[in-house]
C-alpha atoms as a PDB file:
ATOM      1  CA  MET A   1     -31.244  20.253 -36.386  1.00  0.00           C
ATOM      2  CA  ARG A   2     -33.612  19.439 -33.507  1.00  0.00           C
ATOM      3  CA  THR A   3     -35.098  16.538 -35.487  1.00  0.00           C
ATOM      4  CA  VAL A   4     -31.634  15.083 -36.133  1.00  0.00           C
ATOM      5  CA  ARG A   5     -30.783  15.309 -32.434  1.00  0.00           C
ATOM      6  CA  ILE A   6     -34.033  13.638 -31.346  1.00  0.00           C
ATOM      7  CA  THR A   7     -33.562  10.912 -33.964  1.00  0.00           C
ATOM      8  CA  ALA A   8     -29.971  10.290 -32.780  1.00  0.00           C
ATOM      9  CA  ILE A   9     -31.083  10.037 -29.142  1.00  0.00           C
ATOM     10  CA  ASN A  10     -33.890   7.642 -30.064  1.00  0.00           C
ATOM     11  CA  LEU A  11     -31.537   5.462 -32.118  1.00  0.00           C
ATOM     12  CA  PHE A  12     -29.091   5.403 -29.205  1.00  0.00           C
ATOM     13  CA  LEU A  13     -31.832   4.342 -26.776  1.00  0.00           C
ATOM     14  CA  ILE A  14     -33.179   1.680 -29.162  1.00  0.00           C
ATOM     15  CA  PHE A  15     -29.644   0.351 -29.688  1.00  0.00           C
ATOM     16  CA  HIS A  16     -29.119   0.102 -25.912  1.00  0.00           C
ATOM     17  CA  LEU A  17     -32.444  -1.605 -25.282  1.00  0.00           C
ATOM     18  CA  ILE A  18     -31.781  -4.184 -27.993  1.00  0.00           C
ATOM     19  CA  ALA A  19     -28.129  -4.698 -27.001  1.00  0.00           C
ATOM     20  CA  ILE A  20     -28.779  -5.116 -23.272  1.00  0.00           C
ATOM     21  CA  THR A  21     -31.863  -7.277 -23.819  1.00  0.00           C
ATOM     22  CA  CYS A  22     -30.048  -9.616 -26.213  1.00  0.00           C
ATOM     23  CA  TRP A  23     -26.994  -9.714 -23.959  1.00  0.00           C
ATOM     24  CA  CYS A  24     -28.949 -10.604 -20.818  1.00  0.00           C
ATOM     25  CA  ILE A  25     -31.795 -12.746 -22.106  1.00  0.00           C
ATOM     26  CA  PRO A  26     -31.070 -16.418 -21.405  1.00  0.00           C
ATOM     27  CA  LEU A  27     -31.850 -17.574 -24.961  1.00  0.00           C
ATOM     28  CA  ASN A  28     -29.397 -18.874 -27.507  1.00  0.00           C
ATOM     29  CA  SER A  29     -31.306 -18.475 -30.768  1.00  0.00           C
ATOM     30  CA  ALA A  30     -29.349 -17.667 -33.917  1.00  0.00           C
ATOM     31  CA  LEU A  31     -30.688 -14.080 -33.998  1.00  0.00           C
ATOM     32  CA  VAL A  32     -29.854 -13.380 -30.333  1.00  0.00           C
ATOM     33  CA  MET A  33     -26.390 -14.933 -30.721  1.00  0.00           C
ATOM     34  CA  SER A  34     -25.619 -12.835 -33.813  1.00  0.00           C
ATOM     35  CA  ILE A  35     -26.716  -9.639 -32.030  1.00  0.00           C
ATOM     36  CA  ARG A  36     -24.599 -10.583 -28.991  1.00  0.00           C
ATOM     37  CA  SER A  37     -21.624 -11.092 -31.254  1.00  0.00           C
ATOM     38  CA  ALA A  38     -22.142  -7.684 -32.887  1.00  0.00           C
ATOM     39  CA  VAL A  39     -22.567  -5.733 -29.622  1.00  0.00           C
ATOM     40  CA  ARG A  40     -19.981  -7.673 -27.573  1.00  0.00           C
ATOM     41  CA  PRO A  41     -17.103  -5.160 -27.963  1.00  0.00           C
ATOM     42  CA  TYR A  42     -19.322  -2.269 -26.861  1.00  0.00           C
ATOM     43  CA  ILE A  43     -20.942  -4.171 -23.962  1.00  0.00           C
ATOM     44  CA  LEU A  44     -17.559  -5.282 -22.587  1.00  0.00           C
ATOM     45  CA  TRP A  45     -15.913  -1.874 -23.096  1.00  0.00           C
ATOM     46  CA  SER A  46     -18.761  -0.027 -21.366  1.00  0.00           C
ATOM     47  CA  GLY A  47     -18.982  -2.464 -18.445  1.00  0.00           C
ATOM     48  CA  LEU A  48     -22.642  -3.228 -19.170  1.00  0.00           C
ATOM     49  CA  PHE A  49     -22.095  -6.993 -19.289  1.00  0.00           C
ATOM     50  CA  GLN A  50     -23.901  -9.248 -16.875  1.00  0.00           C
ATOM     51  CA  ALA A  51     -23.421 -12.965 -16.455  1.00  0.00           C
ATOM     52  CA  TRP A  52     -26.352 -15.074 -15.350  1.00  0.00           C
ATOM     53  CA  ASP A  53     -24.035 -17.250 -13.270  1.00  0.00           C
ATOM     54  CA  MET A  54     -24.435 -14.695 -10.500  1.00  0.00           C
ATOM     55  CA  PHE A  55     -27.959 -16.004 -10.013  1.00  0.00           C
ATOM     56  CA  SER A  56     -28.261 -19.311 -11.775  1.00  0.00           C
ATOM     57  CA  PRO A  57     -27.713 -22.186 -12.257  1.00  0.00           C
ATOM     58  CA  THR A  58     -24.977 -22.083  -9.608  1.00  0.00           C
ATOM     59  CA  PRO A  59     -24.320 -18.790  -7.807  1.00  0.00           C
ATOM     60  CA  ARG A  60     -20.762 -18.058  -6.699  1.00  0.00           C
ATOM     61  CA  PRO A  61     -20.099 -20.098  -3.557  1.00  0.00           C
ATOM     62  CA  VAL A  62     -17.534 -17.660  -2.109  1.00  0.00           C
ATOM     63  CA  ASN A  63     -17.277 -14.077  -0.985  1.00  0.00           C
ATOM     64  CA  ALA A  64     -13.904 -12.855  -2.245  1.00  0.00           C
ATOM     65  CA  HIS A  65     -11.859  -9.697  -2.596  1.00  0.00           C
ATOM     66  CA  VAL A  66      -8.336  -8.837  -3.716  1.00  0.00           C
ATOM     67  CA  GLU A  67      -5.697  -6.658  -2.092  1.00  0.00           C
ATOM     68  CA  ALA A  68      -2.042  -6.041  -2.821  1.00  0.00           C
ATOM     69  CA  ALA A  69       0.913  -6.030  -0.465  1.00  0.00           C
ATOM     70  CA  VAL A  70       3.446  -3.416  -1.570  1.00  0.00           C
ATOM     71  CA  ILE A  71       6.925  -4.062  -0.190  1.00  0.00           C
ATOM     72  CA  PHE A  72       9.213  -1.041  -0.325  1.00  0.00           C
ATOM     73  CA  LYS A  73      13.008  -0.868  -0.562  1.00  0.00           C
ATOM     74  CA  ASP A  74      13.285  -0.176   3.205  1.00  0.00           C
ATOM     75  CA  GLY A  75      11.242  -3.324   4.002  1.00  0.00           C
ATOM     76  CA  ARG A  76       8.069  -1.473   4.918  1.00  0.00           C
ATOM     77  CA  ILE A  77       4.834  -3.145   3.768  1.00  0.00           C
ATOM     78  CA  HIS A  78       1.748  -1.218   2.666  1.00  0.00           C
ATOM     79  CA  THR A  79      -1.649  -2.776   1.897  1.00  0.00           C
ATOM     80  CA  TRP A  80      -3.217  -1.401  -1.280  1.00  0.00           C
ATOM     81  CA  LYS A  81      -6.941  -2.098  -1.571  1.00  0.00           C
ATOM     82  CA  PHE A  82      -9.245  -2.253  -4.540  1.00  0.00           C
ATOM     83  CA  PRO A  83     -12.567  -0.502  -3.886  1.00  0.00           C
ATOM     84  CA  ARG A  84     -15.072  -2.840  -2.196  1.00  0.00           C
ATOM     85  CA  MET A  85     -18.722  -2.125  -2.847  1.00  0.00           C
ATOM     86  CA  GLU A  86     -19.855  -2.945   0.698  1.00  0.00           C
ATOM     87  CA  GLN A  87     -17.510  -0.243   2.030  1.00  0.00           C
ATOM     88  CA  LEU A  88     -18.646   2.542  -0.319  1.00  0.00           C
ATOM     89  CA  SER A  89     -21.556   4.954  -0.292  1.00  0.00           C
ATOM     90  CA  LEU A  90     -24.335   4.536  -2.846  1.00  0.00           C
ATOM     91  CA  THR A  91     -22.904   7.328  -4.994  1.00  0.00           C
ATOM     92  CA  GLN A  92     -19.378   5.896  -4.854  1.00  0.00           C
ATOM     93  CA  ARG A  93     -20.727   2.449  -5.766  1.00  0.00           C
ATOM     94  CA  ALA A  94     -22.387   3.824  -8.879  1.00  0.00           C
ATOM     95  CA  PHE A  95     -19.059   5.170 -10.147  1.00  0.00           C
ATOM     96  CA  LYS A  96     -16.913   2.197  -9.081  1.00  0.00           C
ATOM     97  CA  GLU A  97     -19.142  -0.761  -9.994  1.00  0.00           C
ATOM     98  CA  ARG A  98     -16.665  -1.761 -12.680  1.00  0.00           C
ATOM     99  CA  TYR A  99     -14.111  -2.515  -9.948  1.00  0.00           C
ATOM    100  CA  ARG A 100     -16.417  -5.191  -8.491  1.00  0.00           C
ATOM    101  CA  LYS A 101     -16.685  -6.946 -11.833  1.00  0.00           C
ATOM    102  CA  PHE A 102     -12.970  -6.488 -12.461  1.00  0.00           C
ATOM    103  CA  VAL A 103     -11.917  -7.942  -9.098  1.00  0.00           C
ATOM    104  CA  GLU A 104     -14.408 -10.825  -9.328  1.00  0.00           C
ATOM    105  CA  ASN A 105     -12.885 -11.889 -12.627  1.00  0.00           C
ATOM    106  CA  VAL A 106      -9.208 -10.925 -12.439  1.00  0.00           C
ATOM    107  CA  GLN A 107      -8.407 -13.355  -9.637  1.00  0.00           C
ATOM    108  CA  GLU A 108      -9.220 -16.286 -11.918  1.00  0.00           C
ATOM    109  CA  GLN A 109      -6.306 -18.086 -13.630  1.00  0.00           C
ATOM    110  CA  THR A 110      -7.907 -17.286 -16.996  1.00  0.00           C
ATOM    111  CA  TYR A 111      -6.853 -13.655 -16.517  1.00  0.00           C
ATOM    112  CA  ALA A 112      -3.271 -14.337 -15.359  1.00  0.00           C
ATOM    113  CA  GLY A 113      -1.985 -12.367 -18.347  1.00  0.00           C
ATOM    114  CA  LEU A 114      -3.281  -9.171 -16.701  1.00  0.00           C
ATOM    115  CA  TRP A 115      -1.548  -9.724 -13.362  1.00  0.00           C
ATOM    116  CA  PRO A 116       1.847  -8.160 -14.314  1.00  0.00           C
ATOM    117  CA  ASP A 117       0.095  -5.039 -15.626  1.00  0.00           C
ATOM    118  CA  ILE A 118      -1.980  -4.752 -12.454  1.00  0.00           C
ATOM    119  CA  ALA A 119       1.169  -5.103 -10.333  1.00  0.00           C
ATOM    120  CA  ARG A 120       2.956  -2.408 -12.375  1.00  0.00           C
ATOM    121  CA  TYR A 121      -0.029  -0.075 -11.967  1.00  0.00           C
ATOM    122  CA  ILE A 122      -0.045  -0.602  -8.194  1.00  0.00           C
ATOM    123  CA  ALA A 123       3.732  -0.034  -8.068  1.00  0.00           C
ATOM    124  CA  ARG A 124       3.378   3.290  -9.925  1.00  0.00           C
ATOM    125  CA  ALA A 125       0.447   4.333  -7.702  1.00  0.00           C
ATOM    126  CA  ASN A 126       2.629   3.747  -4.615  1.00  0.00           C
ATOM    127  CA  ASN A 127       5.847   5.280  -5.935  1.00  0.00           C
ATOM    128  CA  ASN A 128       5.766   8.398  -3.763  1.00  0.00           C
ATOM    129  CA  ASN A 129       9.385   8.491  -2.589  1.00  0.00           C
ATOM    130  CA  ALA A 130      12.295   8.164  -5.037  1.00  0.00           C
ATOM    131  CA  ASN A 131      14.535   6.960  -2.175  1.00  0.00           C
ATOM    132  CA  ASP A 132      12.103   4.215  -1.148  1.00  0.00           C
ATOM    133  CA  PRO A 133      10.445   2.794  -4.279  1.00  0.00           C
ATOM    134  CA  PRO A 134       8.209  -0.295  -4.323  1.00  0.00           C
ATOM    135  CA  GLN A 135      10.262  -3.468  -4.801  1.00  0.00           C
ATOM    136  CA  VAL A 136       7.688  -6.270  -4.728  1.00  0.00           C
ATOM    137  CA  ILE A 137       3.950  -6.385  -5.363  1.00  0.00           C
ATOM    138  CA  MET A 138       1.966  -9.380  -4.136  1.00  0.00           C
ATOM    139  CA  LEU A 139      -1.644  -9.843  -5.214  1.00  0.00           C
ATOM    140  CA  ILE A 140      -3.604 -11.547  -2.448  1.00  0.00           C
ATOM    141  CA  ARG A 141      -7.012 -13.162  -2.706  1.00  0.00           C
ATOM    142  CA  TYR A 142      -9.123 -13.206   0.456  1.00  0.00           C
ATOM    143  CA  TRP A 143     -12.211 -15.385   0.526  1.00  0.00           C
ATOM    144  CA  SER A 144     -14.725 -17.112   2.706  1.00  0.00           C
ATOM    145  CA  ASP A 145     -17.200 -19.746   1.681  1.00  0.00           C
ATOM    146  CA  ILE A 146     -20.852 -18.789   1.558  1.00  0.00           C
ATOM    147  CA  PRO A 147     -22.712 -21.547   3.400  1.00  0.00           C
ATOM    148  CA  PRO A 148     -26.215 -22.647   2.382  1.00  0.00           C
ATOM    149  CA  PRO A 149     -28.964 -20.691   4.171  1.00  0.00           C
ATOM    150  CA  GLU A 150     -29.679 -23.487   6.657  1.00  0.00           C
ATOM    151  CA  ARG A 151     -26.033 -23.437   7.858  1.00  0.00           C
ATOM    152  CA  ALA A 152     -25.434 -19.682   7.584  1.00  0.00           C
ATOM    153  CA  ALA A 153     -26.943 -18.909  11.000  1.00  0.00           C
ATOM    154  CA  LEU A 154     -24.672 -21.385  12.827  1.00  0.00           C
ATOM    155  CA  HIS A 155     -21.379 -19.543  12.378  1.00  0.00           C
ATOM    156  CA  ALA A 156     -19.559 -17.235  10.018  1.00  0.00           C
ATOM    157  CA  PRO A 157     -17.088 -19.138   7.861  1.00  0.00           C
ATOM    158  CA  PRO A 158     -13.429 -18.201   8.377  1.00  0.00           C
ATOM    159  CA  GLU A 159     -11.745 -15.904   5.886  1.00  0.00           C
ATOM    160  CA  ARG A 160      -8.775 -17.404   4.110  1.00  0.00           C
ATOM    161  CA  ALA A 161      -6.005 -15.759   2.101  1.00  0.00           C
ATOM    162  CA  ARG A 162      -3.605 -16.809  -0.644  1.00  0.00           C
ATOM    163  CA  ILE A 163      -0.949 -14.918  -2.565  1.00  0.00           C
ATOM    164  CA  PHE A 164      -1.794 -15.652  -6.186  1.00  0.00           C
ATOM    165  CA  PHE A 165       0.828 -13.477  -7.892  1.00  0.00           C
ATOM    166  CA  GLU A 166       4.155 -11.940  -6.925  1.00  0.00           C
ATOM    167  CA  TYR A 167       5.947  -9.360  -9.063  1.00  0.00           C
ATOM    168  CA  ASN A 168       9.454  -7.941  -8.653  1.00  0.00           C
ATOM    169  CA  VAL A 169       9.254  -4.298  -9.686  1.00  0.00           C
ATOM    170  CA  LYS A 170      11.798  -3.101 -12.242  1.00  0.00           C
ATOM    171  CA  PRO A 171      12.983   0.542 -12.325  1.00  0.00           C
ATOM    172  CA  GLU A 172      11.365   1.037 -15.757  1.00  0.00           C
ATOM    173  CA  ASP A 173       7.981  -0.049 -14.312  1.00  0.00           C
ATOM    174  CA  LEU A 174       7.881   3.092 -12.196  1.00  0.00           C
ATOM    175  CA  LYS A 175       8.017   5.529 -15.116  1.00  0.00           C
END
């Protein structure tokens, strides 16, 4: 029994080393591409994916985050915030790293199909009073440009905001 357990652990570790190496290595050989294709569902599900565009050839030129404005039946507005890594402790960051990747990607038009589900989730999370339910959810992208190092010391770039999705909450969304 002990031998089976040790063998299973070793196979798991070998699988992870091969999967992560093939996923992250910047080579596109037939072997690496076939391994990437095989491990893709697991890598994406587990949140272990990493894109090289964070570093090269062109790093992201903006610092961005997403918040939601929740408008209630009585007209009150509440700001709902996704976790932001720079505002969390080291331990909290370890458990919420997926949120950073999620928020970085979800604001792109490519993921517009997820926006209604995100809005419904936020509506349910803020449905604390049956007499004053959420009526509208607005997803808002905040961003500021990241200047090149030689210009960064001159001044901090202004933060801008844009509502990129608005959702009218239906009663069935709150169940």
